[in-house]
């Protein structure tokens, strides 16, 4: 049996708890810093339509995109490794059915639930 939780991502029926890496928590400071730097660069919407995007704006937008990609890749890598190991080591397993959409309505839990991408696993 598999129980999905908040503190430990997965609790198995044999007593094993598996914790998620939570990449957004670890990289939030870097994400905020790059976003702030990007917002200070010249963009056509802020200076009128005649100016083009500055090279520094393009550099920082690429950095920000790369960081978001890295966060998504960490999540997907963890989920792929977890699901493949669960399938490899058990003949059958039962997973609880959760209404993830309703869980995201709780604003205190929404960030931590989306950080471990619970909807993809469920």
PDB file of N, CA and C in Angstrom:
ATOM      1  N   UNK A   1       0.814  -1.180   0.000  1.00  0.00           N
ATOM      2  CA  UNK A   1       0.000   0.000   0.000  1.00  0.00           C
ATOM      3  C   UNK A   1       0.864   1.252   0.000  1.00  0.00           C
ATOM      4  N   UNK A   2       0.415   2.265  -0.670  1.00  0.00           N
ATOM      5  CA  UNK A   2       1.143   3.522  -0.778  1.00  0.00           C
ATOM      6  C   UNK A   2       0.262   4.643  -0.266  1.00  0.00           C
ATOM      7  N   UNK A   3       0.791   5.400   0.699  1.00  0.00           N
ATOM      8  CA  UNK A   3       0.086   6.550   1.250  1.00  0.00           C
ATOM      9  C   UNK A   3       0.870   7.803   0.888  1.00  0.00           C
ATOM     10  N   UNK A   4       0.229   8.728   0.196  1.00  0.00           N
ATOM     11  CA  UNK A   4       0.876   9.974  -0.195  1.00  0.00           C
ATOM     12  C   UNK A   4       0.657  10.997   0.902  1.00  0.00           C
ATOM     13  N   UNK A   5       1.737  11.633   1.324  1.00  0.00           N
ATOM     14  CA  UNK A   5       1.631  12.600   2.405  1.00  0.00           C
ATOM     15  C   UNK A   5       2.309  13.907   2.076  1.00  0.00           C
ATOM     16  N   UNK A   6       2.368  14.779   3.084  1.00  0.00           N
ATOM     17  CA  UNK A   6       2.974  16.095   2.898  1.00  0.00           C
ATOM     18  C   UNK A   6       4.402  16.104   3.432  1.00  0.00           C
ATOM     19  N   UNK A   7       4.604  15.586   4.646  1.00  0.00           N
ATOM     20  CA  UNK A   7       5.954  15.586   5.208  1.00  0.00           C
ATOM     21  C   UNK A   7       6.847  14.585   4.476  1.00  0.00           C
ATOM     22  N   UNK A   8       6.392  13.361   4.381  1.00  0.00           N
ATOM     23  CA  UNK A   8       7.098  12.388   3.546  1.00  0.00           C
ATOM     24  C   UNK A   8       6.245  12.191   2.299  1.00  0.00           C
ATOM     25  N   UNK A   9       6.889  12.205   1.173  1.00  0.00           N
ATOM     26  CA  UNK A   9       6.146  12.137  -0.095  1.00  0.00           C
ATOM     27  C   UNK A   9       5.334  10.859  -0.192  1.00  0.00           C
ATOM     28  N   UNK A  10       5.968   9.742   0.133  1.00  0.00           N
ATOM     29  CA  UNK A  10       5.306   8.445   0.056  1.00  0.00           C
ATOM     30  C   UNK A  10       5.637   7.654   1.317  1.00  0.00           C
ATOM     31  N   UNK A  11       4.613   7.071   1.927  1.00  0.00           N
ATOM     32  CA  UNK A  11       4.795   6.130   3.031  1.00  0.00           C
ATOM     33  C   UNK A  11       4.302   4.777   2.554  1.00  0.00           C
ATOM     34  N   UNK A  12       5.178   3.812   2.586  1.00  0.00           N
ATOM     35  CA  UNK A  12       4.824   2.476   2.124  1.00  0.00           C
ATOM     36  C   UNK A  12       4.277   1.656   3.282  1.00  0.00           C
ATOM     37  N   UNK A  13       3.570   0.578   2.965  1.00  0.00           N
ATOM     38  CA  UNK A  13       2.941  -0.250   3.998  1.00  0.00           C
ATOM     39  C   UNK A  13       3.978  -1.003   4.839  1.00  0.00           C
ATOM     40  N   UNK A  14       5.201  -1.157   4.338  1.00  0.00           N
ATOM     41  CA  UNK A  14       6.240  -1.831   5.118  1.00  0.00           C
ATOM     42  C   UNK A  14       6.962  -0.878   6.072  1.00  0.00           C
ATOM     43  N   UNK A  15       6.504   0.381   6.154  1.00  0.00           N
ATOM     44  CA  UNK A  15       7.066   1.344   7.099  1.00  0.00           C
ATOM     45  C   UNK A  15       8.125   2.255   6.508  1.00  0.00           C
ATOM     46  N   UNK A  16       8.426   2.111   5.247  1.00  0.00           N
ATOM     47  CA  UNK A  16       9.445   2.933   4.596  1.00  0.00           C
ATOM     48  C   UNK A  16       8.852   4.278   4.180  1.00  0.00           C
ATOM     49  N   UNK A  17       9.525   5.360   4.554  1.00  0.00           N
ATOM     50  CA  UNK A  17       9.112   6.703   4.149  1.00  0.00           C
ATOM     51  C   UNK A  17      10.094   7.230   3.114  1.00  0.00           C
ATOM     52  N   UNK A  18       9.570   7.768   2.026  1.00  0.00           N
ATOM     53  CA  UNK A  18      10.400   8.326   0.964  1.00  0.00           C
ATOM     54  C   UNK A  18      10.103   9.814   0.891  1.00  0.00           C
ATOM     55  N   UNK A  19      11.163  10.614   0.988  1.00  0.00           N
ATOM     56  CA  UNK A  19      11.025  12.068   0.997  1.00  0.00           C
ATOM     57  C   UNK A  19      11.362  12.633  -0.377  1.00  0.00           C
ATOM     58  N   UNK A  20      10.626  13.649  -0.788  1.00  0.00           N
ATOM     59  CA  UNK A  20      10.840  14.289  -2.088  1.00  0.00           C
ATOM     60  C   UNK A  20      11.957  15.330  -1.964  1.00  0.00           C
ATOM     61  N   UNK A  21      12.654  15.635  -3.064  1.00  0.00           N
ATOM     62  CA  UNK A  21      13.775  16.587  -2.999  1.00  0.00           C
ATOM     63  C   UNK A  21      13.362  18.045  -2.800  1.00  0.00           C
ATOM     64  N   UNK A  22      12.143  18.454  -3.145  1.00  0.00           N
ATOM     65  CA  UNK A  22      11.638  19.822  -3.027  1.00  0.00           C
ATOM     66  C   UNK A  22      12.596  20.854  -3.637  1.00  0.00           C
ATOM     67  N   UNK A  23      12.745  20.836  -4.952  1.00  0.00           N
ATOM     68  CA  UNK A  23      13.706  21.731  -5.604  1.00  0.00           C
ATOM     69  C   UNK A  23      13.334  23.202  -5.525  1.00  0.00           C
ATOM     70  N   UNK A  24      12.045  23.521  -5.449  1.00  0.00           N
ATOM     71  CA  UNK A  24      11.645  24.923  -5.402  1.00  0.00           C
ATOM     72  C   UNK A  24      12.084  25.561  -4.094  1.00  0.00           C
ATOM     73  N   UNK A  25      11.999  24.816  -2.976  1.00  0.00           N
ATOM     74  CA  UNK A  25      12.457  25.346  -1.703  1.00  0.00           C
ATOM     75  C   UNK A  25      13.952  25.637  -1.729  1.00  0.00           C
ATOM     76  N   UNK A  26      14.710  24.747  -2.363  1.00  0.00           N
ATOM     77  CA  UNK A  26      16.162  24.904  -2.382  1.00  0.00           C
ATOM     78  C   UNK A  26      16.612  26.027  -3.305  1.00  0.00           C
ATOM     79  N   UNK A  27      15.889  26.246  -4.395  1.00  0.00           N
ATOM     80  CA  UNK A  27      16.326  27.220  -5.395  1.00  0.00           C
ATOM     81  C   UNK A  27      15.500  28.512  -5.407  1.00  0.00           C
ATOM     82  N   UNK A  28      14.698  28.733  -4.376  1.00  0.00           N
ATOM     83  CA  UNK A  28      13.843  29.928  -4.347  1.00  0.00           C
ATOM     84  C   UNK A  28      14.655  31.205  -4.314  1.00  0.00           C
ATOM     85  N   UNK A  29      15.703  31.248  -3.504  1.00  0.00           N
ATOM     86  CA  UNK A  29      16.513  32.465  -3.404  1.00  0.00           C
ATOM     87  C   UNK A  29      17.138  32.826  -4.745  1.00  0.00           C
ATOM     88  N   UNK A  30      17.648  31.822  -5.441  1.00  0.00           N
ATOM     89  CA  UNK A  30      18.257  32.046  -6.751  1.00  0.00           C
ATOM     90  C   UNK A  30      17.205  32.487  -7.764  1.00  0.00           C
ATOM     91  N   UNK A  31      16.036  31.874  -7.699  1.00  0.00           N
ATOM     92  CA  UNK A  31      14.937  32.216  -8.595  1.00  0.00           C
ATOM     93  C   UNK A  31      14.478  33.658  -8.395  1.00  0.00           C
ATOM     94  N   UNK A  32      14.359  34.079  -7.148  1.00  0.00           N
ATOM     95  CA  UNK A  32      13.944  35.449  -6.838  1.00  0.00           C
ATOM     96  C   UNK A  32      15.002  36.439  -7.306  1.00  0.00           C
ATOM     97  N   UNK A  33      16.275  36.110  -7.081  1.00  0.00           N
ATOM     98  CA  UNK A  33      17.360  37.013  -7.465  1.00  0.00           C
ATOM     99  C   UNK A  33      17.392  37.226  -8.982  1.00  0.00           C
ATOM    100  N   UNK A  34      17.287  36.147  -9.737  1.00  0.00           N
ATOM    101  CA  UNK A  34      17.330  36.273 -11.197  1.00  0.00           C
ATOM    102  C   UNK A  34      16.081  36.976 -11.719  1.00  0.00           C
ATOM    103  N   UNK A  35      14.929  36.708 -11.108  1.00  0.00           N
ATOM    104  CA  UNK A  35      13.698  37.392 -11.519  1.00  0.00           C
ATOM    105  C   UNK A  35      13.794  38.891 -11.268  1.00  0.00           C
ATOM    106  N   UNK A  36      14.368  39.256 -10.139  1.00  0.00           N
ATOM    107  CA  UNK A  36      14.529  40.676  -9.813  1.00  0.00           C
ATOM    108  C   UNK A  36      15.497  41.351 -10.777  1.00  0.00           C
ATOM    109  N   UNK A  37      16.576  40.662 -11.110  1.00  0.00           N
ATOM    110  CA  UNK A  37      17.532  41.212 -12.070  1.00  0.00           C
ATOM    111  C   UNK A  37      16.892  41.372 -13.444  1.00  0.00           C
ATOM    112  N   UNK A  38      16.067  40.409 -13.836  1.00  0.00           N
ATOM    113  CA  UNK A  38      15.397  40.466 -15.126  1.00  0.00           C
ATOM    114  C   UNK A  38      14.405  41.622 -15.193  1.00  0.00           C
ATOM    115  N   UNK A  39      13.720  41.883 -14.099  1.00  0.00           N
ATOM    116  CA  UNK A  39      12.714  42.946 -14.104  1.00  0.00           C
ATOM    117  C   UNK A  39      13.338  44.324 -14.246  1.00  0.00           C
ATOM    118  N   UNK A  40      14.620  44.450 -13.953  1.00  0.00           N
ATOM    119  CA  UNK A  40      15.301  45.749 -14.059  1.00  0.00           C
ATOM    120  C   UNK A  40      15.861  46.010 -15.463  1.00  0.00           C
ATOM    121  N   UNK A  41      15.802  45.016 -16.324  1.00  0.00           N
ATOM    122  CA  UNK A  41      16.340  45.173 -17.679  1.00  0.00           C
ATOM    123  C   UNK A  41      15.298  45.794 -18.610  1.00  0.00           C
ATOM    124  N   UNK A  42      15.747  46.320 -19.746  1.00  0.00           N
ATOM    125  CA  UNK A  42      14.862  47.002 -20.693  1.00  0.00           C
ATOM    126  C   UNK A  42      14.045  45.996 -21.495  1.00  0.00           C
ATOM    127  N   UNK A  43      12.748  46.236 -21.508  1.00  0.00           N
ATOM    128  CA  UNK A  43      11.808  45.422 -22.261  1.00  0.00           C
ATOM    129  C   UNK A  43      10.928  46.368 -23.064  1.00  0.00           C
ATOM    130  N   UNK A  44      10.535  46.010 -24.287  1.00  0.00           N
ATOM    131  CA  UNK A  44       9.748  46.927 -25.136  1.00  0.00           C
ATOM    132  C   UNK A  44       8.445  47.416 -24.503  1.00  0.00           C
ATOM    133  N   UNK A  45       7.802  46.620 -23.673  1.00  0.00           N
ATOM    134  CA  UNK A  45       6.541  47.033 -23.079  1.00  0.00           C
ATOM    135  C   UNK A  45       6.734  48.158 -22.065  1.00  0.00           C
ATOM    136  N   UNK A  46       7.919  48.231 -21.459  1.00  0.00           N
ATOM    137  CA  UNK A  46       8.138  49.264 -20.456  1.00  0.00           C
ATOM    138  C   UNK A  46       8.642  50.565 -21.063  1.00  0.00           C
ATOM    139  N   UNK A  47       9.334  50.506 -22.167  1.00  0.00           N
ATOM    140  CA  UNK A  47       9.926  51.708 -22.760  1.00  0.00           C
ATOM    141  C   UNK A  47       9.261  52.119 -24.064  1.00  0.00           C
ATOM    142  N   UNK A  48       8.122  51.585 -24.376  1.00  0.00           N
ATOM    143  CA  UNK A  48       7.483  51.888 -25.654  1.00  0.00           C
ATOM    144  C   UNK A  48       7.771  50.778 -26.643  1.00  0.00           C
ATOM    145  N   UNK A  49       7.053  50.739 -27.732  1.00  0.00           N
ATOM    146  CA  UNK A  49       7.178  49.649 -28.695  1.00  0.00           C
ATOM    147  C   UNK A  49       8.377  49.786 -29.624  1.00  0.00           C
ATOM    148  N   UNK A  50       9.024  50.965 -29.659  1.00  0.00           N
ATOM    149  CA  UNK A  50      10.104  51.173 -30.627  1.00  0.00           C
ATOM    150  C   UNK A  50      11.431  50.564 -30.193  1.00  0.00           C
ATOM    151  N   UNK A  51      11.615  50.333 -28.901  1.00  0.00           N
ATOM    152  CA  UNK A  51      12.873  49.749 -28.448  1.00  0.00           C
ATOM    153  C   UNK A  51      12.819  48.236 -28.567  1.00  0.00           C
ATOM    154  N   UNK A  52      13.983  47.632 -28.731  1.00  0.00           N
ATOM    155  CA  UNK A  52      14.052  46.175 -28.788  1.00  0.00           C
ATOM    156  C   UNK A  52      14.516  45.662 -27.423  1.00  0.00           C
ATOM    157  N   UNK A  53      14.389  44.368 -27.231  1.00  0.00           N
ATOM    158  CA  UNK A  53      14.836  43.777 -25.974  1.00  0.00           C
ATOM    159  C   UNK A  53      16.348  43.898 -25.893  1.00  0.00           C
ATOM    160  N   UNK A  54      16.826  44.321 -24.729  1.00  0.00           N
ATOM    161  CA  UNK A  54      18.264  44.476 -24.573  1.00  0.00           C
ATOM    162  C   UNK A  54      18.927  43.102 -24.489  1.00  0.00           C
ATOM    163  N   UNK A  55      20.213  43.076 -24.775  1.00  0.00           N
ATOM    164  CA  UNK A  55      20.954  41.816 -24.706  1.00  0.00           C
ATOM    165  C   UNK A  55      20.998  41.278 -23.282  1.00  0.00           C
ATOM    166  N   UNK A  56      21.102  42.186 -22.295  1.00  0.00           N
ATOM    167  CA  UNK A  56      21.102  41.746 -20.903  1.00  0.00           C
ATOM    168  C   UNK A  56      19.747  41.163 -20.514  1.00  0.00           C
ATOM    169  N   UNK A  57      18.657  41.718 -21.057  1.00  0.00           N
ATOM    170  CA  UNK A  57      17.331  41.160 -20.816  1.00  0.00           C
ATOM    171  C   UNK A  57      17.247  39.741 -21.372  1.00  0.00           C
ATOM    172  N   UNK A  58      17.754  39.560 -22.565  1.00  0.00           N
ATOM    173  CA  UNK A  58      17.715  38.240 -23.185  1.00  0.00           C
ATOM    174  C   UNK A  58      18.568  37.234 -22.406  1.00  0.00           C
ATOM    175  N   UNK A  59      19.741  37.683 -21.911  1.00  0.00           N
ATOM    176  CA  UNK A  59      20.610  36.802 -21.121  1.00  0.00           C
ATOM    177  C   UNK A  59      19.916  36.350 -19.845  1.00  0.00           C
ATOM    178  N   UNK A  60      19.310  37.312 -19.138  1.00  0.00           N
ATOM    179  CA  UNK A  60      18.682  36.972 -17.867  1.00  0.00           C
ATOM    180  C   UNK A  60      17.390  36.174 -18.066  1.00  0.00           C
ATOM    181  N   UNK A  61      16.685  36.422 -19.152  1.00  0.00           N
ATOM    182  CA  UNK A  61      15.495  35.613 -19.406  1.00  0.00           C
ATOM    183  C   UNK A  61      15.886  34.167 -19.722  1.00  0.00           C
ATOM    184  N   UNK A  62      17.020  33.996 -20.401  1.00  0.00           N
ATOM    185  CA  UNK A  62      17.522  32.646 -20.671  1.00  0.00           C
ATOM    186  C   UNK A  62      17.944  31.958 -19.366  1.00  0.00           C
ATOM    187  N   UNK A  63      18.579  32.715 -18.449  1.00  0.00           N
ATOM    188  CA  UNK A  63      18.967  32.168 -17.147  1.00  0.00           C
ATOM    189  C   UNK A  63      17.743  31.722 -16.355  1.00  0.00           C
ATOM    190  N   UNK A  64      16.712  32.570 -16.376  1.00  0.00           N
ATOM    191  CA  UNK A  64      15.490  32.265 -15.639  1.00  0.00           C
ATOM    192  C   UNK A  64      14.795  31.037 -16.223  1.00  0.00           C
ATOM    193  N   UNK A  65      14.748  30.954 -17.528  1.00  0.00           N
ATOM    194  CA  UNK A  65      14.154  29.797 -18.191  1.00  0.00           C
ATOM    195  C   UNK A  65      14.912  28.526 -17.854  1.00  0.00           C
ATOM    196  N   UNK A  66      16.233  28.627 -17.842  1.00  0.00           N
ATOM    197  CA  UNK A  66      17.079  27.475 -17.526  1.00  0.00           C
ATOM    198  C   UNK A  66      16.836  27.012 -16.088  1.00  0.00           C
ATOM    199  N   UNK A  67      16.672  27.953 -15.167  1.00  0.00           N
ATOM    200  CA  UNK A  67      16.444  27.594 -13.772  1.00  0.00           C
ATOM    201  C   UNK A  67      15.083  26.921 -13.591  1.00  0.00           C
ATOM    202  N   UNK A  68      14.059  27.434 -14.259  1.00  0.00           N
ATOM    203  CA  UNK A  68      12.743  26.787 -14.198  1.00  0.00           C
ATOM    204  C   UNK A  68      12.793  25.384 -14.797  1.00  0.00           C
ATOM    205  N   UNK A  69      13.543  25.226 -15.863  1.00  0.00           N
ATOM    206  CA  UNK A  69      13.727  23.913 -16.477  1.00  0.00           C
ATOM    207  C   UNK A  69      14.420  22.948 -15.530  1.00  0.00           C
ATOM    208  N   UNK A  70      15.430  23.453 -14.817  1.00  0.00           N
ATOM    209  CA  UNK A  70      16.176  22.637 -13.872  1.00  0.00           C
ATOM    210  C   UNK A  70      15.271  22.143 -12.749  1.00  0.00           C
ATOM    211  N   UNK A  71      14.409  23.019 -12.252  1.00  0.00           N
ATOM    212  CA  UNK A  71      13.476  22.635 -11.192  1.00  0.00           C
ATOM    213  C   UNK A  71      12.527  21.553 -11.692  1.00  0.00           C
ATOM    214  N   UNK A  72      11.998  21.734 -12.880  1.00  0.00           N
ATOM    215  CA  UNK A  72      11.077  20.742 -13.449  1.00  0.00           C
ATOM    216  C   UNK A  72      11.780  19.407 -13.686  1.00  0.00           C
ATOM    217  N   UNK A  73      13.017  19.451 -14.146  1.00  0.00           N
ATOM    218  CA  UNK A  73      13.771  18.224 -14.407  1.00  0.00           C
ATOM    219  C   UNK A  73      14.074  17.461 -13.125  1.00  0.00           C
ATOM    220  N   UNK A  74      14.367  18.177 -12.030  1.00  0.00           N
ATOM    221  CA  UNK A  74      14.622  17.518 -10.751  1.00  0.00           C
ATOM    222  C   UNK A  74      13.371  16.781 -10.290  1.00  0.00           C
ATOM    223  N   UNK A  75      12.209  17.435 -10.425  1.00  0.00           N
ATOM    224  CA  UNK A  75      10.947  16.803 -10.039  1.00  0.00           C
ATOM    225  C   UNK A  75      10.680  15.546 -10.861  1.00  0.00           C
ATOM    226  N   UNK A  76      10.796  15.678 -12.189  1.00  0.00           N
ATOM    227  CA  UNK A  76      10.510  14.536 -13.057  1.00  0.00           C
ATOM    228  C   UNK A  76      11.486  13.384 -12.852  1.00  0.00           C
ATOM    229  N   UNK A  77      12.749  13.711 -12.610  1.00  0.00           N
ATOM    230  CA  UNK A  77      13.751  12.684 -12.375  1.00  0.00           C
ATOM    231  C   UNK A  77      13.416  11.895 -11.120  1.00  0.00           C
ATOM    232  N   UNK A  78      13.036  12.601 -10.053  1.00  0.00           N
ATOM    233  CA  UNK A  78      12.667  11.929  -8.809  1.00  0.00           C
ATOM    234  C   UNK A  78      11.464  11.023  -9.023  1.00  0.00           C
ATOM    235  N   UNK A  79      10.451  11.528  -9.724  1.00  0.00           N
ATOM    236  CA  UNK A  79       9.242  10.731  -9.939  1.00  0.00           C
ATOM    237  C   UNK A  79       9.520   9.495 -10.790  1.00  0.00           C
ATOM    238  N   UNK A  80      10.346   9.640 -11.829  1.00  0.00           N
ATOM    239  CA  UNK A  80      10.673   8.488 -12.676  1.00  0.00           C
ATOM    240  C   UNK A  80      11.447   7.436 -11.893  1.00  0.00           C
ATOM    241  N   UNK A  81      12.405   7.880 -11.091  1.00  0.00           N
ATOM    242  CA  UNK A  81      13.187   6.927 -10.296  1.00  0.00           C
ATOM    243  C   UNK A  81      12.326   6.232  -9.258  1.00  0.00           C
ATOM    244  N   UNK A  82      11.438   6.993  -8.622  1.00  0.00           N
ATOM    245  CA  UNK A  82      10.558   6.413  -7.597  1.00  0.00           C
ATOM    246  C   UNK A  82       9.592   5.399  -8.194  1.00  0.00           C
ATOM    247  N   UNK A  83       8.919   5.765  -9.266  1.00  0.00           N
ATOM    248  CA  UNK A  83       7.940   4.845  -9.857  1.00  0.00           C
ATOM    249  C   UNK A  83       8.604   3.592 -10.427  1.00  0.00           C
ATOM    250  N   UNK A  84       9.758   3.752 -11.042  1.00  0.00           N
ATOM    251  CA  UNK A  84      10.429   2.573 -11.594  1.00  0.00           C
ATOM    252  C   UNK A  84      10.916   1.647 -10.484  1.00  0.00           C
ATOM    253  N   UNK A  85      11.393   2.204  -9.366  1.00  0.00           N
ATOM    254  CA  UNK A  85      11.828   1.338  -8.267  1.00  0.00           C
ATOM    255  C   UNK A  85      10.638   0.667  -7.590  1.00  0.00           C
ATOM    256  N   UNK A  86       9.495   1.374  -7.486  1.00  0.00           N
ATOM    257  CA  UNK A  86       8.301   0.748  -6.913  1.00  0.00           C
ATOM    258  C   UNK A  86       7.820  -0.408  -7.783  1.00  0.00           C
ATOM    259  N   UNK A  87       7.831  -0.224  -9.076  1.00  0.00           N
ATOM    260  CA  UNK A  87       7.389  -1.277  -9.994  1.00  0.00           C
ATOM    261  C   UNK A  87       8.362  -2.450  -9.984  1.00  0.00           C
ATOM    262  N   UNK A  88       9.647  -2.148  -9.912  1.00  0.00           N
ATOM    263  CA  UNK A  88      10.666  -3.190  -9.950  1.00  0.00           C
ATOM    264  C   UNK A  88      10.628  -4.082  -8.707  1.00  0.00           C
ATOM    265  N   UNK A  89      10.323  -3.482  -7.526  1.00  0.00           N
ATOM    266  CA  UNK A  89      10.448  -4.223  -6.277  1.00  0.00           C
ATOM    267  C   UNK A  89       9.134  -4.766  -5.721  1.00  0.00           C
ATOM    268  N   UNK A  90       8.033  -4.564  -6.409  1.00  0.00           N
ATOM    269  CA  UNK A  90       6.775  -5.113  -5.895  1.00  0.00           C
ATOM    270  C   UNK A  90       5.957  -5.718  -7.031  1.00  0.00           C
ATOM    271  N   UNK A  91       5.208  -6.748  -6.666  1.00  0.00           N
ATOM    272  CA  UNK A  91       4.366  -7.410  -7.665  1.00  0.00           C
ATOM    273  C   UNK A  91       3.087  -6.613  -7.910  1.00  0.00           C
ATOM    274  N   UNK A  92       2.489  -6.138  -6.832  1.00  0.00           N
ATOM    275  CA  UNK A  92       1.280  -5.325  -6.950  1.00  0.00           C
ATOM    276  C   UNK A  92       1.270  -4.300  -5.820  1.00  0.00           C
ATOM    277  N   UNK A  93       0.641  -3.191  -6.057  1.00  0.00           N
ATOM    278  CA  UNK A  93       0.534  -2.181  -5.003  1.00  0.00           C
ATOM    279  C   UNK A  93      -0.757  -1.405  -5.162  1.00  0.00           C
ATOM    280  N   UNK A  94      -1.212  -0.860  -4.043  1.00  0.00           N
ATOM    281  CA  UNK A  94      -2.450  -0.089  -4.010  1.00  0.00           C
ATOM    282  C   UNK A  94      -2.109   1.355  -3.692  1.00  0.00           C
ATOM    283  N   UNK A  95      -2.736   2.248  -4.405  1.00  0.00           N
ATOM    284  CA  UNK A  95      -2.488   3.678  -4.244  1.00  0.00           C
ATOM    285  C   UNK A  95      -3.792   4.343  -3.845  1.00  0.00           C
ATOM    286  N   UNK A  96      -3.732   5.221  -2.861  1.00  0.00           N
ATOM    287  CA  UNK A  96      -4.951   5.904  -2.436  1.00  0.00           C
ATOM    288  C   UNK A  96      -5.381   6.903  -3.502  1.00  0.00           C
ATOM    289  N   UNK A  97      -6.683   7.091  -3.627  1.00  0.00           N
ATOM    290  CA  UNK A  97      -7.186   8.050  -4.611  1.00  0.00           C
ATOM    291  C   UNK A  97      -7.419   9.386  -3.908  1.00  0.00           C
ATOM    292  N   UNK A  98      -6.764  10.400  -4.388  1.00  0.00           N
ATOM    293  CA  UNK A  98      -6.872  11.735  -3.810  1.00  0.00           C
ATOM    294  C   UNK A  98      -7.478  12.691  -4.812  1.00  0.00           C
ATOM    295  N   UNK A  99      -8.197  13.662  -4.313  1.00  0.00           N
ATOM    296  CA  UNK A  99      -8.693  14.733  -5.166  1.00  0.00           C
ATOM    297  C   UNK A  99      -7.696  15.883  -5.042  1.00  0.00           C
ATOM    298  N   UNK A 100      -6.704  15.850  -5.924  1.00  0.00           N
ATOM    299  CA  UNK A 100      -5.596  16.798  -5.857  1.00  0.00           C
ATOM    300  C   UNK A 100      -6.076  18.215  -6.130  1.00  0.00           C
ATOM    301  N   UNK A 101      -7.054  18.352  -6.992  1.00  0.00           N
ATOM    302  CA  UNK A 101      -7.578  19.672  -7.328  1.00  0.00           C
ATOM    303  C   UNK A 101      -8.127  20.365  -6.082  1.00  0.00           C
ATOM    304  N   UNK A 102      -8.795  19.607  -5.217  1.00  0.00           N
ATOM    305  CA  UNK A 102      -9.320  20.176  -3.983  1.00  0.00           C
ATOM    306  C   UNK A 102      -8.207  20.474  -2.977  1.00  0.00           C
ATOM    307  N   UNK A 103      -7.134  19.685  -3.023  1.00  0.00           N
ATOM    308  CA  UNK A 103      -6.014  19.922  -2.112  1.00  0.00           C
ATOM    309  C   UNK A 103      -5.291  21.212  -2.465  1.00  0.00           C
ATOM    310  N   UNK A 104      -5.264  21.564  -3.750  1.00  0.00           N
ATOM    311  CA  UNK A 104      -4.607  22.794  -4.170  1.00  0.00           C
ATOM    312  C   UNK A 104      -5.388  24.039  -3.778  1.00  0.00           C
ATOM    313  N   UNK A 105      -6.634  23.885  -3.391  1.00  0.00           N
ATOM    314  CA  UNK A 105      -7.426  25.035  -2.970  1.00  0.00           C
ATOM    315  C   UNK A 105      -6.998  25.556  -1.604  1.00  0.00           C
ATOM    316  N   UNK A 106      -6.335  24.711  -0.822  1.00  0.00           N
ATOM    317  CA  UNK A 106      -5.804  25.143   0.461  1.00  0.00           C
ATOM    318  C   UNK A 106      -4.517  25.918   0.214  1.00  0.00           C
ATOM    319  N   UNK A 107      -4.545  27.217   0.437  1.00  0.00           N
ATOM    320  CA  UNK A 107      -3.402  28.063   0.072  1.00  0.00           C
ATOM    321  C   UNK A 107      -2.163  27.793   0.917  1.00  0.00           C
ATOM    322  N   UNK A 108      -2.325  27.156   2.060  1.00  0.00           N
ATOM    323  CA  UNK A 108      -1.157  26.859   2.907  1.00  0.00           C
ATOM    324  C   UNK A 108      -0.404  25.628   2.412  1.00  0.00           C
ATOM    325  N   UNK A 109      -1.097  24.739   1.747  1.00  0.00           N
ATOM    326  CA  UNK A 109      -0.471  23.505   1.272  1.00  0.00           C
ATOM    327  C   UNK A 109      -0.135  23.519  -0.209  1.00  0.00           C
ATOM    328  N   UNK A 110      -0.700  24.448  -0.950  1.00  0.00           N
ATOM    329  CA  UNK A 110      -0.613  24.411  -2.410  1.00  0.00           C
ATOM    330  C   UNK A 110       0.826  24.476  -2.912  1.00  0.00           C
ATOM    331  N   UNK A 111       1.645  25.331  -2.326  1.00  0.00           N
ATOM    332  CA  UNK A 111       3.021  25.481  -2.803  1.00  0.00           C
ATOM    333  C   UNK A 111       3.837  24.216  -2.548  1.00  0.00           C
ATOM    334  N   UNK A 112       3.697  23.635  -1.358  1.00  0.00           N
ATOM    335  CA  UNK A 112       4.475  22.436  -1.054  1.00  0.00           C
ATOM    336  C   UNK A 112       3.981  21.230  -1.853  1.00  0.00           C
ATOM    337  N   UNK A 113       2.681  21.172  -2.116  1.00  0.00           N
ATOM    338  CA  UNK A 113       2.160  20.064  -2.927  1.00  0.00           C
ATOM    339  C   UNK A 113       2.589  20.177  -4.377  1.00  0.00           C
ATOM    340  N   UNK A 114       2.588  21.385  -4.906  1.00  0.00           N
ATOM    341  CA  UNK A 114       3.012  21.544  -6.297  1.00  0.00           C
ATOM    342  C   UNK A 114       4.521  21.405  -6.434  1.00  0.00           C
ATOM    343  N   UNK A 115       5.262  21.685  -5.353  1.00  0.00           N
ATOM    344  CA  UNK A 115       6.718  21.559  -5.396  1.00  0.00           C
ATOM    345  C   UNK A 115       7.141  20.104  -5.577  1.00  0.00           C
ATOM    346  N   UNK A 116       6.402  19.182  -5.025  1.00  0.00           N
ATOM    347  CA  UNK A 116       6.742  17.767  -5.177  1.00  0.00           C
ATOM    348  C   UNK A 116       5.967  17.128  -6.317  1.00  0.00           C
ATOM    349  N   UNK A 117       5.176  17.926  -7.030  1.00  0.00           N
ATOM    350  CA  UNK A 117       4.347  17.516  -8.172  1.00  0.00           C
ATOM    351  C   UNK A 117       3.527  16.275  -7.858  1.00  0.00           C
ATOM    352  N   UNK A 118       2.687  16.452  -6.864  1.00  0.00           N
ATOM    353  CA  UNK A 118       1.842  15.350  -6.400  1.00  0.00           C
ATOM    354  C   UNK A 118       0.810  14.947  -7.443  1.00  0.00           C
ATOM    355  N   UNK A 119       0.399  15.904  -8.271  1.00  0.00           N
ATOM    356  CA  UNK A 119      -0.620  15.600  -9.282  1.00  0.00           C
ATOM    357  C   UNK A 119      -0.072  14.671 -10.368  1.00  0.00           C
ATOM    358  N   UNK A 120       1.211  14.768 -10.654  1.00  0.00           N
ATOM    359  CA  UNK A 120       1.817  13.894 -11.667  1.00  0.00           C
ATOM    360  C   UNK A 120       1.925  12.469 -11.140  1.00  0.00           C
ATOM    361  N   UNK A 121       2.243  12.339  -9.870  1.00  0.00           N
ATOM    362  CA  UNK A 121       2.392  11.017  -9.266  1.00  0.00           C
ATOM    363  C   UNK A 121       1.044  10.331  -9.104  1.00  0.00           C
ATOM    364  N   UNK A 122       0.023  11.117  -8.741  1.00  0.00           N
ATOM    365  CA  UNK A 122      -1.289  10.546  -8.489  1.00  0.00           C
ATOM    366  C   UNK A 122      -1.970  10.324  -9.780  1.00  0.00           C
TER     367      UNK A 122
END
